[in-house]
Protein backbone atom coordinates (compact mmCIF):
# COMPACT_ATOMS: atom_id res chain seq x y z
CA MET A 1 112.73 96.10 84.45
CA ALA A 2 112.11 95.11 87.90
CA ARG A 3 116.01 96.81 88.81
CA SER A 4 115.96 99.27 86.13
CA LEU A 5 112.38 101.27 86.65
CA PRO A 6 111.71 103.54 88.82
CA LEU A 7 109.10 102.37 91.80
CA ASP A 8 106.09 104.89 90.44
CA ARG A 9 106.76 103.35 86.15
CA PHE A 10 107.15 99.55 87.18
CA GLN A 11 103.61 98.48 86.84
CA GLU A 12 102.58 101.19 83.85
CA ALA A 13 105.33 99.52 81.85
CA THR A 14 104.93 96.02 82.80
CA LEU A 15 101.27 96.27 81.66
CA LEU A 16 102.82 97.81 78.39
CA ARG A 17 104.69 94.59 77.88
CA LEU A 18 101.75 92.48 78.81
CA ARG A 19 99.84 93.99 76.09
CA ASP A 20 101.69 92.38 73.31
CA HIS A 21 100.95 88.95 74.76
CA LEU A 22 97.61 89.62 76.02
CA PRO A 23 95.30 91.80 74.51
CA PHE A 24 93.11 94.45 76.99
CA ARG A 25 91.47 97.22 77.31
CA SER A 26 92.20 98.37 80.73
CA ALA A 27 93.84 97.16 84.31
CA TYR A 28 93.29 97.13 88.11
CA TRP A 29 96.31 96.12 89.61
CA GLY A 30 97.00 95.83 93.67
CA MET A 31 97.02 94.19 96.64
CA LEU A 32 94.07 93.30 99.22
CA ARG A 33 94.06 91.53 102.37
CA ALA A 34 91.20 88.86 102.99
CA GLN A 35 89.52 89.43 106.55
CA PRO A 36 88.75 86.44 108.49
CA CYS A 37 85.26 87.76 108.06
CA GLY A 38 85.66 87.02 104.00
CA ALA A 39 85.48 91.23 103.73
CA LEU A 40 88.36 92.74 101.15
CA THR A 41 90.64 95.66 102.22
CA LEU A 42 92.60 97.58 99.69
CA HIS A 43 96.34 97.90 100.29
CA SER A 44 97.69 99.41 96.91
CA SER A 45 95.80 100.25 93.97
CA PHE A 46 97.00 101.35 90.67
CA VAL A 47 94.44 101.74 87.39
CA ASP A 48 95.49 101.61 83.89
CA VAL A 49 93.28 103.25 81.37
CA LEU A 50 90.84 104.31 83.94
CA PRO A 51 90.07 107.24 85.70
CA HIS A 52 90.56 107.14 89.48
CA ASP A 53 87.36 107.14 90.36
CA PHE A 54 87.47 103.82 89.40
CA VAL A 55 88.90 102.67 92.47
CA ARG A 56 86.82 104.37 94.54
CA ASP A 57 83.54 103.25 93.26
CA TRP A 58 84.83 99.24 93.55
CA GLU A 59 85.82 100.50 96.82
CA ILE A 60 81.61 100.98 97.61
CA VAL A 61 80.29 97.09 95.46
CA LYS A 62 83.31 95.01 96.52
CA HIS A 63 81.89 93.22 98.78
CA LYS A 64 79.63 92.08 96.32
CA ASP A 65 82.33 91.40 93.93
CA ALA A 66 81.72 87.25 93.27
CA LEU A 67 85.17 87.68 90.52
CA ALA A 68 87.20 89.24 93.15
CA ALA A 69 85.75 87.00 96.20
CA LYS A 70 86.66 84.11 93.53
CA VAL A 71 90.26 84.30 92.94
CA VAL A 72 91.28 85.27 96.39
CA ALA A 73 89.36 81.76 97.39
CA THR A 74 91.59 79.58 94.82
CA PRO A 75 95.12 81.88 95.02
CA GLY A 76 96.58 81.17 91.61
CA VAL A 77 93.72 80.73 89.35
CA ALA A 78 92.81 82.53 86.85
CA ALA A 79 88.74 83.26 86.60
CA SER A 80 86.40 85.93 83.97
CA MET A 81 83.01 86.95 83.83
CA SER A 82 80.98 88.91 81.70
CA ALA A 83 79.70 92.46 83.32
CA THR A 84 76.42 91.12 83.25
CA GLY A 85 77.28 88.05 84.54
CA MET A 86 78.06 89.09 87.66
CA GLY A 87 74.91 89.18 88.85
CA HIS A 88 74.38 92.81 90.66
CA ALA A 89 72.90 95.41 89.30
CA GLU A 90 75.92 97.26 90.33
CA PHE A 91 78.22 95.45 88.65
CA VAL A 92 76.34 96.17 85.52
CA ALA A 93 76.43 99.78 86.26
CA LEU A 94 80.23 99.47 86.86
CA GLY A 95 80.59 98.21 83.55
CA LYS A 96 78.72 100.52 81.64
CA ARG A 97 80.05 103.49 83.34
CA PHE A 98 83.94 102.21 82.71
CA ASP A 99 83.39 100.31 79.25
CA ILE A 100 83.66 96.98 80.90
CA ALA A 101 82.14 93.87 79.13
CA SER A 102 84.27 91.13 80.39
CA ALA A 103 86.50 90.68 83.28
CA MET A 104 89.34 88.46 83.67
CA SER A 105 91.36 88.30 87.34
CA ILE A 106 93.30 86.58 89.67
CA ALA A 107 95.13 86.63 92.86
CA VAL A 108 98.51 85.28 94.47
CA ALA A 109 99.53 84.88 97.83
CA THR A 110 102.40 87.23 99.12
CA PRO A 111 104.71 86.24 101.93
CA ILE A 112 102.20 88.21 104.21
CA PRO A 113 99.57 86.01 105.64
CA CYS A 114 96.10 86.79 104.05
CA LEU A 115 97.88 89.66 101.67
CA PHE A 116 97.05 89.01 98.09
CA ALA A 117 98.62 90.79 94.91
CA PHE A 118 95.55 90.79 91.78
CA LEU A 119 95.33 91.74 88.40
CA SER A 120 92.36 92.38 87.23
CA LEU A 121 91.91 92.91 83.31
CA TYR A 122 89.32 94.14 81.20
CA ARG A 123 87.92 94.37 77.17
CA PRO A 124 85.48 96.73 76.06
CA ALA A 125 82.20 95.49 74.48
CA ASP A 126 83.70 95.61 70.90
CA ALA A 127 85.96 92.54 71.88
CA PRO A 128 85.79 88.94 72.30
CA GLY A 129 85.22 87.92 75.71
CA PHE A 130 88.30 85.94 78.07
CA GLY A 131 88.37 82.37 77.20
CA HIS A 132 90.85 79.35 78.55
CA ALA A 133 94.07 80.19 76.50
CA ASP A 134 94.00 83.65 78.43
CA ARG A 135 93.42 82.78 81.84
CA SER A 136 96.31 80.23 81.68
CA PHE A 137 98.44 82.65 80.48
CA GLN A 138 97.64 84.71 83.32
CA GLU A 139 98.21 81.78 85.74
CA ILE A 140 101.52 81.64 84.59
CA ILE A 141 102.74 84.79 84.37
CA MET A 142 101.50 86.16 87.31
CA PRO A 143 103.88 84.16 89.55
CA HIS A 144 106.78 86.07 88.04
CA VAL A 145 104.81 89.30 87.36
CA ALA A 146 103.79 89.53 91.40
CA ALA A 147 107.51 88.72 92.08
CA ALA A 148 109.38 91.06 89.67
CA TRP A 149 106.94 93.96 91.22
CA HIS A 150 107.89 92.61 95.20
CA ALA A 151 111.89 93.11 93.62
CA ASN A 152 111.51 95.97 92.06
CA ARG A 153 110.00 97.46 95.57
CA LEU A 154 113.47 95.73 97.27
CA HIS A 155 115.69 97.66 94.51
CA HIS A 156 113.78 100.82 95.07
CA VAL A 157 115.07 100.54 98.50
CA GLU A 158 118.55 99.35 97.76
CA GLY A 159 118.61 102.50 95.08
CA LEU A 160 117.64 105.26 98.17
CA LYS A 161 120.11 103.48 100.71
CA THR A 162 122.84 103.58 98.30
CA ARG A 163 122.18 107.23 97.36
CA SER A 164 121.88 108.37 101.04
CA ASP A 165 124.58 109.92 102.45
CA VAL A 166 123.68 109.64 105.91
CA LEU A 167 125.33 106.52 108.22
CA GLN A 168 122.39 106.07 110.69
CA GLU A 169 119.22 106.20 108.29
CA GLY A 170 116.61 103.61 106.84
CA PHE A 171 114.13 103.15 104.46
CA ALA A 172 110.89 101.13 103.76
CA VAL A 173 107.96 100.45 101.38
CA ALA A 174 104.22 100.39 102.99
CA ASP A 175 101.17 100.28 101.73
CA GLN A 176 98.14 102.74 102.69
CA HIS A 177 97.54 100.47 105.45
CA GLY A 178 100.74 100.42 107.30
CA LEU A 179 101.52 97.26 106.36
CA LEU A 180 105.34 96.69 105.54
CA HIS A 181 106.70 95.34 102.16
CA ALA A 182 110.48 96.18 101.58
CA SER A 183 113.06 97.75 103.78
CA ASP A 184 116.86 97.86 104.22
CA ALA A 185 118.11 96.44 107.85
CA THR A 186 119.05 99.90 108.75
CA PHE A 187 115.27 100.19 108.41
CA GLY A 188 114.46 97.38 111.15
CA SER A 189 117.29 98.22 113.83
CA LEU A 190 116.30 101.70 113.87
CA MET A 191 112.71 100.88 115.06
CA SER A 192 114.24 99.19 117.70
CA LEU A 193 115.07 102.22 119.27
CA GLU A 194 111.83 103.81 119.44
CA TRP A 195 109.44 100.08 119.63
CA PRO A 196 111.83 97.58 121.16
CA ARG A 197 109.39 94.73 120.61
CA TRP A 198 107.98 95.30 117.18
CA ARG A 199 108.59 92.83 114.73
CA GLY A 200 106.70 94.06 111.74
CA PRO A 201 104.75 93.49 108.97
CA GLU A 202 102.54 96.20 110.82
CA LEU A 203 103.55 99.88 111.61
CA PRO A 204 103.04 100.91 115.02
CA ARG A 205 100.40 102.84 115.44
CA LEU A 206 101.61 106.40 116.26
CA LEU A 207 103.63 105.88 112.62
CA ARG A 208 100.46 104.82 110.88
CA ASP A 209 98.36 107.91 112.41
CA ALA A 210 101.06 110.05 111.15
CA MET A 211 101.77 108.49 107.55
CA ASN A 212 97.62 108.13 107.35
CA ALA A 213 97.50 111.81 108.26
CA GLY A 214 100.43 113.47 105.90
CA HIS A 215 102.90 114.29 109.02
CA ARG A 216 106.43 113.32 109.65
CA TYR A 217 106.91 111.48 112.57
CA ASP A 218 108.91 113.08 115.61
CA GLY A 219 109.33 110.24 118.34
CA ARG A 220 111.46 110.01 121.11
CA ALA A 221 113.96 108.83 119.41
CA LEU A 222 113.04 108.55 115.88
CA SER A 223 112.05 110.77 113.08
CA VAL A 224 110.02 109.36 109.87
CA ASP A 225 109.28 110.81 106.56
CA ALA A 226 106.93 109.32 104.09
CA ALA A 227 106.01 109.84 100.36
CA PRO A 228 103.61 108.92 98.78
CA HIS A 229 104.03 106.37 95.40
CA HIS A 230 100.58 105.17 93.39
CA GLY A 231 99.03 103.78 96.68
CA LEU A 232 102.23 102.96 98.58
CA ALA A 233 104.21 105.03 100.69
CA VAL A 234 108.23 105.66 101.06
CA LEU A 235 109.87 105.95 104.20
CA ARG A 236 112.77 107.40 105.28
CA ILE A 237 113.90 106.85 109.11
CA ARG A 238 116.38 108.63 111.19
CA PRO A 239 117.39 108.69 114.76
CA ARG A 240 116.56 112.34 116.09
CA ASP A 241 119.47 114.65 116.74
CA ALA A 242 119.86 114.19 120.26
CA THR A 243 119.85 117.73 121.27
CA GLY A 244 115.92 118.07 119.52
CA ARG A 245 114.81 116.51 123.16
CA LEU A 246 115.92 119.39 124.67
CA SER A 247 114.33 122.34 126.21
CA PRO A 248 116.01 125.79 124.66
CA ARG A 249 117.49 126.77 127.54
CA GLU A 250 119.06 122.81 128.27
CA THR A 251 120.38 123.00 124.74
CA GLU A 252 122.21 126.65 125.50
CA ILE A 253 123.21 124.87 128.41
CA VAL A 254 125.07 121.68 126.45
CA ASP A 255 126.58 123.99 123.91
CA LEU A 256 128.29 126.19 126.50
CA TYR A 257 129.49 122.86 128.09
CA ARG A 258 130.93 121.96 124.89
CA GLU A 259 132.45 124.77 124.83
CA GLY A 260 134.69 123.53 128.22
CA ARG A 261 133.25 126.39 130.03
CA SER A 262 132.68 125.33 134.00
CA TYR A 263 129.85 125.35 136.20
CA LYS A 264 130.53 128.88 137.34
CA GLU A 265 131.02 130.11 133.67
CA ILE A 266 127.76 128.94 132.98
CA ALA A 267 125.86 130.32 135.65
CA VAL A 268 127.54 134.16 134.85
CA PHE A 269 127.22 134.17 131.32
CA LEU A 270 123.12 133.16 131.90
CA GLY A 271 123.08 135.26 134.65
CA CYS A 272 121.84 132.66 137.21
CA SER A 273 123.58 130.44 140.12
CA PRO A 274 125.37 127.25 139.99
CA TYR A 275 123.00 125.05 141.63
CA THR A 276 120.39 126.16 138.80
CA VAL A 277 122.96 124.79 135.98
CA ARG A 278 123.66 121.84 137.77
CA HIS A 279 119.92 121.13 137.96
CA HIS A 280 119.37 121.96 134.27
CA LEU A 281 122.32 119.15 133.86
CA ARG A 282 120.64 116.28 135.94
CA ALA A 283 117.51 117.21 133.75
CA ILE A 284 120.09 116.85 130.36
CA TYR A 285 121.39 113.44 131.51
CA ASP A 286 117.63 111.91 132.42
CA LYS A 287 116.86 113.32 129.19
CA LEU A 288 119.60 111.78 127.06
CA GLY A 289 119.68 108.50 128.94
CA VAL A 290 123.70 109.81 129.71
CA SER A 291 125.40 110.13 133.44
CA ASN A 292 128.27 111.87 132.95
CA LYS A 293 130.17 114.72 131.03
CA VAL A 294 132.01 112.37 128.90
CA ALA A 295 128.65 110.08 127.57
CA LEU A 296 127.27 113.45 127.07
CA LEU A 297 130.25 115.34 124.85
CA HIS A 298 129.86 112.71 122.98
CA LEU A 299 126.17 112.02 122.05
CA THR A 300 126.37 115.47 121.58
CA SER A 301 128.88 116.11 119.27
CA ARG A 302 128.05 113.60 116.43
CA PRO A 303 127.03 114.83 113.47
CA ARG A 304 123.24 116.50 112.73
CA SER A 305 121.60 114.56 109.83
CA SER A 306 119.82 117.56 108.09
């Protein structure tokens, strides 16, 4: 399933398969990060047979979620509670609102420090509560579920790379807080063009800000697009067209230069002096990081990305 299903279908299909062995009515699956102060930051979320309002409402009361705190404190160990046993009126109300009488949850560590993949399963009042056998099964299956989920993200990135007809184009999957979860080799090498000291896993702030605002990031050397997928974002990165850094007049001069025209011919065509043309060319060299005509022609002759 990890290699055959697209990114936006894997979690739903996995839960459907899991129901055959561990009955539950609804589920909450995602990633969260434990802060040094003990606070939990949600990095991705997927709900099954629950409205999206559930995530919003849980975020409001998560600091009182005893079940979440317990499973994060003991990774790999499943825990279960009744809605009324969680001890807070907010959770009793949450359970009534979303038809949750009992909950079972587990969190497993990921390769990223302090980041956990969690899976919470819920049953209504007319179903038995979760018992020892349910918790044991969840403890056995969850490491495999988490590994397959990670493999699915990697496979999605590999598929995008295979289908791309642009040589210098990279792909990655990040979460809503700009934490990188999967990427191809091209992504890392291109990132170094814009941020030479970047090593991950957190994306640079300027890129995170653009992604959260729903904008494409256009930097000095790179363009990055982000498409949302169930609390995650698929990033596509490519070098900016070199001439995209030039003014309209500078671009016009480069185009004429590529046609083989001399300083004087360009000056006559534009109605200016050869000195002005030379001044523009010096500025062009500085912007593109080249020092001679051969390098300029080589750089600006590369096929432009669409």
